[in-house]
Amino acid sequence: DPTAGRHRRLYAAARNLAELGCPPALAHALLTDPALDCGLTPADARRQVDCGVREGWSSPAAAPGTPAELAMTAGPEGGAT
């Protein structure tokens, strides 16, 4: 199935964004058009982003105080702001 790789990559991108604290609406805004351009249907794109975001938010990497959150709040010298 030629779309299998596209589904998997879209899911992984959505999960990665969520692990970095990206809100679901922003993940959809960033990923939907490229997914449609690659040949996925709107329903497939929505489902893959939803699943990736849900999994990413439930991941330990998305928990407060983890390296992902600390990296987002690091100042120019690498220390927390």
N, C-alpha and C. Protein backbone atom coordinates (compact mmCIF):
# COMPACT_ATOMS: atom_id res chain seq x y z
N ASP A 1 0.85 -1.19 0.00
CA ASP A 1 0.00 0.00 0.00
C ASP A 1 0.89 1.25 0.00
N PRO A 2 0.81 2.05 -1.04
CA PRO A 2 1.69 3.22 -1.12
C PRO A 2 1.42 4.30 -0.08
N THR A 3 0.23 4.30 0.51
CA THR A 3 -0.07 5.33 1.52
C THR A 3 0.38 4.91 2.91
N ALA A 4 0.78 3.67 3.11
CA ALA A 4 1.16 3.21 4.45
C ALA A 4 2.29 4.04 5.04
N GLY A 5 3.30 4.33 4.26
CA GLY A 5 4.41 5.13 4.75
C GLY A 5 3.99 6.55 5.08
N ARG A 6 3.08 7.09 4.29
CA ARG A 6 2.60 8.44 4.54
C ARG A 6 1.81 8.51 5.83
N HIS A 7 0.97 7.50 6.08
CA HIS A 7 0.21 7.45 7.33
C HIS A 7 1.16 7.42 8.53
N ARG A 8 2.14 6.56 8.44
CA ARG A 8 3.09 6.36 9.55
C ARG A 8 3.89 7.64 9.80
N ARG A 9 4.36 8.28 8.74
CA ARG A 9 5.14 9.52 8.92
C ARG A 9 4.30 10.65 9.47
N LEU A 10 3.05 10.76 9.03
CA LEU A 10 2.16 11.80 9.54
C LEU A 10 1.88 11.57 11.02
N TYR A 11 1.59 10.35 11.39
CA TYR A 11 1.37 10.00 12.80
C TYR A 11 2.60 10.37 13.63
N ALA A 12 3.79 9.99 13.15
CA ALA A 12 5.02 10.26 13.89
C ALA A 12 5.26 11.76 14.04
N ALA A 13 4.99 12.52 12.99
CA ALA A 13 5.17 13.98 13.07
C ALA A 13 4.22 14.58 14.10
N ALA A 14 2.97 14.13 14.10
CA ALA A 14 1.99 14.64 15.07
C ALA A 14 2.39 14.26 16.49
N ARG A 15 2.86 13.05 16.66
CA ARG A 15 3.29 12.61 17.99
C ARG A 15 4.48 13.43 18.47
N ASN A 16 5.45 13.64 17.59
CA ASN A 16 6.63 14.43 17.96
C ASN A 16 6.23 15.85 18.36
N LEU A 17 5.34 16.47 17.60
CA LEU A 17 4.90 17.81 17.94
C LEU A 17 4.23 17.84 19.31
N ALA A 18 3.36 16.86 19.56
CA ALA A 18 2.65 16.81 20.85
C ALA A 18 3.62 16.59 22.01
N GLU A 19 4.64 15.77 21.80
CA GLU A 19 5.63 15.54 22.85
C GLU A 19 6.38 16.82 23.20
N LEU A 20 6.44 17.74 22.25
CA LEU A 20 7.09 19.02 22.49
C LEU A 20 6.11 20.07 23.00
N GLY A 21 4.87 19.66 23.26
CA GLY A 21 3.88 20.56 23.83
C GLY A 21 3.03 21.29 22.82
N CYS A 22 3.06 20.90 21.58
CA CYS A 22 2.27 21.54 20.54
C CYS A 22 0.78 21.28 20.77
N PRO A 23 -0.05 22.33 20.76
CA PRO A 23 -1.49 22.12 20.92
C PRO A 23 -2.07 21.37 19.70
N PRO A 24 -3.12 20.59 19.90
CA PRO A 24 -3.72 19.84 18.80
C PRO A 24 -4.10 20.70 17.60
N ALA A 25 -4.68 21.86 17.84
CA ALA A 25 -5.10 22.71 16.71
C ALA A 25 -3.91 23.14 15.87
N LEU A 26 -2.79 23.44 16.52
CA LEU A 26 -1.59 23.83 15.78
C LEU A 26 -1.02 22.64 15.00
N ALA A 27 -1.02 21.46 15.60
CA ALA A 27 -0.55 20.27 14.89
C ALA A 27 -1.37 20.04 13.64
N HIS A 28 -2.69 20.18 13.75
CA HIS A 28 -3.55 20.03 12.56
C HIS A 28 -3.23 21.10 11.53
N ALA A 29 -3.04 22.34 11.97
CA ALA A 29 -2.76 23.43 11.04
C ALA A 29 -1.43 23.21 10.31
N LEU A 30 -0.45 22.67 11.00
CA LEU A 30 0.86 22.45 10.41
C LEU A 30 0.91 21.24 9.49
N LEU A 31 0.13 20.21 9.80
CA LEU A 31 0.30 18.92 9.12
C LEU A 31 -0.77 18.57 8.10
N THR A 32 -1.94 19.18 8.17
CA THR A 32 -3.03 18.76 7.30
C THR A 32 -2.75 19.03 5.82
N ASP A 33 -2.36 20.24 5.46
CA ASP A 33 -2.12 20.54 4.05
C ASP A 33 -1.04 19.67 3.44
N PRO A 34 0.12 19.49 4.11
CA PRO A 34 1.12 18.58 3.54
C PRO A 34 0.60 17.15 3.38
N ALA A 35 -0.22 16.69 4.34
CA ALA A 35 -0.78 15.34 4.23
C ALA A 35 -1.70 15.23 3.02
N LEU A 36 -2.52 16.23 2.80
CA LEU A 36 -3.42 16.23 1.65
C LEU A 36 -2.62 16.31 0.35
N ASP A 37 -1.56 17.11 0.35
CA ASP A 37 -0.70 17.23 -0.84
C ASP A 37 -0.04 15.90 -1.18
N CYS A 38 0.18 15.06 -0.18
CA CYS A 38 0.81 13.75 -0.41
C CYS A 38 -0.19 12.67 -0.80
N GLY A 39 -1.46 13.03 -0.90
CA GLY A 39 -2.45 12.08 -1.37
C GLY A 39 -3.33 11.45 -0.31
N LEU A 40 -3.19 11.82 0.95
CA LEU A 40 -4.08 11.28 1.97
C LEU A 40 -5.44 11.98 1.88
N THR A 41 -6.47 11.28 2.26
CA THR A 41 -7.79 11.90 2.28
C THR A 41 -7.90 12.78 3.53
N PRO A 42 -8.83 13.73 3.52
CA PRO A 42 -9.01 14.56 4.72
C PRO A 42 -9.29 13.72 5.98
N ALA A 43 -10.09 12.67 5.83
CA ALA A 43 -10.41 11.81 6.99
C ALA A 43 -9.17 11.09 7.49
N ASP A 44 -8.34 10.58 6.57
CA ASP A 44 -7.10 9.90 6.97
C ASP A 44 -6.14 10.86 7.65
N ALA A 45 -6.01 12.05 7.09
CA ALA A 45 -5.11 13.05 7.68
C ALA A 45 -5.57 13.41 9.08
N ARG A 46 -6.85 13.67 9.24
CA ARG A 46 -7.39 14.03 10.55
C ARG A 46 -7.17 12.91 11.57
N ARG A 47 -7.43 11.68 11.15
CA ARG A 47 -7.29 10.54 12.06
C ARG A 47 -5.84 10.34 12.48
N GLN A 48 -4.90 10.43 11.55
CA GLN A 48 -3.50 10.22 11.89
C GLN A 48 -2.98 11.31 12.81
N VAL A 49 -3.36 12.56 12.55
CA VAL A 49 -2.92 13.65 13.42
C VAL A 49 -3.55 13.49 14.80
N ASP A 50 -4.85 13.18 14.85
CA ASP A 50 -5.50 12.98 16.15
C ASP A 50 -4.83 11.87 16.95
N CYS A 51 -4.56 10.75 16.30
CA CYS A 51 -3.92 9.62 17.01
C CYS A 51 -2.51 9.97 17.47
N GLY A 52 -1.74 10.63 16.61
CA GLY A 52 -0.39 11.01 16.98
C GLY A 52 -0.36 12.00 18.13
N VAL A 53 -1.25 13.00 18.09
CA VAL A 53 -1.31 13.99 19.15
C VAL A 53 -1.73 13.32 20.46
N ARG A 54 -2.74 12.47 20.39
CA ARG A 54 -3.21 11.79 21.61
C ARG A 54 -2.09 10.95 22.23
N GLU A 55 -1.37 10.22 21.40
CA GLU A 55 -0.27 9.40 21.91
C GLU A 55 0.87 10.28 22.42
N GLY A 56 1.17 11.35 21.72
CA GLY A 56 2.25 12.24 22.15
C GLY A 56 1.96 12.92 23.47
N TRP A 57 0.71 13.34 23.67
CA TRP A 57 0.35 13.99 24.94
C TRP A 57 0.38 12.99 26.09
N SER A 58 0.15 11.71 25.81
CA SER A 58 0.15 10.71 26.89
C SER A 58 1.55 10.17 27.15
N SER A 59 2.51 10.56 26.31
CA SER A 59 3.88 10.10 26.44
C SER A 59 4.56 10.76 27.63
N PRO A 60 5.45 10.03 28.31
CA PRO A 60 6.19 10.63 29.42
C PRO A 60 7.00 11.85 28.99
N ALA A 61 7.41 11.92 27.73
CA ALA A 61 8.19 13.06 27.25
C ALA A 61 7.38 14.35 27.29
N ALA A 62 6.05 14.25 27.28
CA ALA A 62 5.20 15.44 27.30
C ALA A 62 4.86 15.88 28.73
N ALA A 63 5.30 15.12 29.72
CA ALA A 63 4.99 15.44 31.11
C ALA A 63 5.77 16.67 31.57
N PRO A 64 5.18 17.48 32.46
CA PRO A 64 5.88 18.67 32.97
C PRO A 64 7.21 18.31 33.62
N GLY A 65 8.20 19.14 33.39
CA GLY A 65 9.50 18.94 34.01
C GLY A 65 10.42 18.01 33.23
N THR A 66 9.99 17.51 32.09
CA THR A 66 10.82 16.62 31.30
C THR A 66 11.75 17.44 30.41
N PRO A 67 12.75 16.82 29.82
CA PRO A 67 13.66 17.57 28.94
C PRO A 67 12.93 18.33 27.83
N ALA A 68 11.85 17.79 27.29
CA ALA A 68 11.12 18.50 26.23
C ALA A 68 10.59 19.82 26.76
N GLU A 69 10.00 19.83 27.94
CA GLU A 69 9.47 21.07 28.50
C GLU A 69 10.61 22.00 28.89
N LEU A 70 11.66 21.47 29.47
CA LEU A 70 12.77 22.31 29.88
C LEU A 70 13.45 22.97 28.68
N ALA A 71 13.54 22.26 27.57
CA ALA A 71 14.13 22.84 26.36
C ALA A 71 13.30 24.00 25.85
N MET A 72 11.99 23.93 26.03
CA MET A 72 11.11 25.00 25.55
C MET A 72 11.24 26.24 26.43
N THR A 73 11.68 26.10 27.68
CA THR A 73 11.77 27.24 28.57
C THR A 73 13.20 27.69 28.81
N ALA A 74 14.15 27.07 28.11
CA ALA A 74 15.55 27.41 28.30
C ALA A 74 15.84 28.79 27.75
N GLY A 75 16.68 29.52 28.49
CA GLY A 75 17.10 30.84 28.05
C GLY A 75 18.24 30.72 27.04
N PRO A 76 18.82 31.86 26.63
CA PRO A 76 19.86 31.83 25.62
C PRO A 76 21.14 31.10 26.05
N GLU A 77 21.36 31.00 27.33
CA GLU A 77 22.54 30.29 27.83
C GLU A 77 22.25 28.83 28.15
N GLY A 78 21.02 28.39 27.85
CA GLY A 78 20.64 27.01 28.12
C GLY A 78 20.02 26.80 29.47
N GLY A 79 20.03 27.84 30.32
CA GLY A 79 19.41 27.73 31.63
C GLY A 79 17.94 28.08 31.57
N ALA A 80 17.18 27.64 32.55
CA ALA A 80 15.75 27.92 32.57
C ALA A 80 15.53 29.42 32.78
N THR A 81 14.46 29.91 32.16
CA THR A 81 14.11 31.33 32.28
C THR A 81 13.15 31.56 33.40
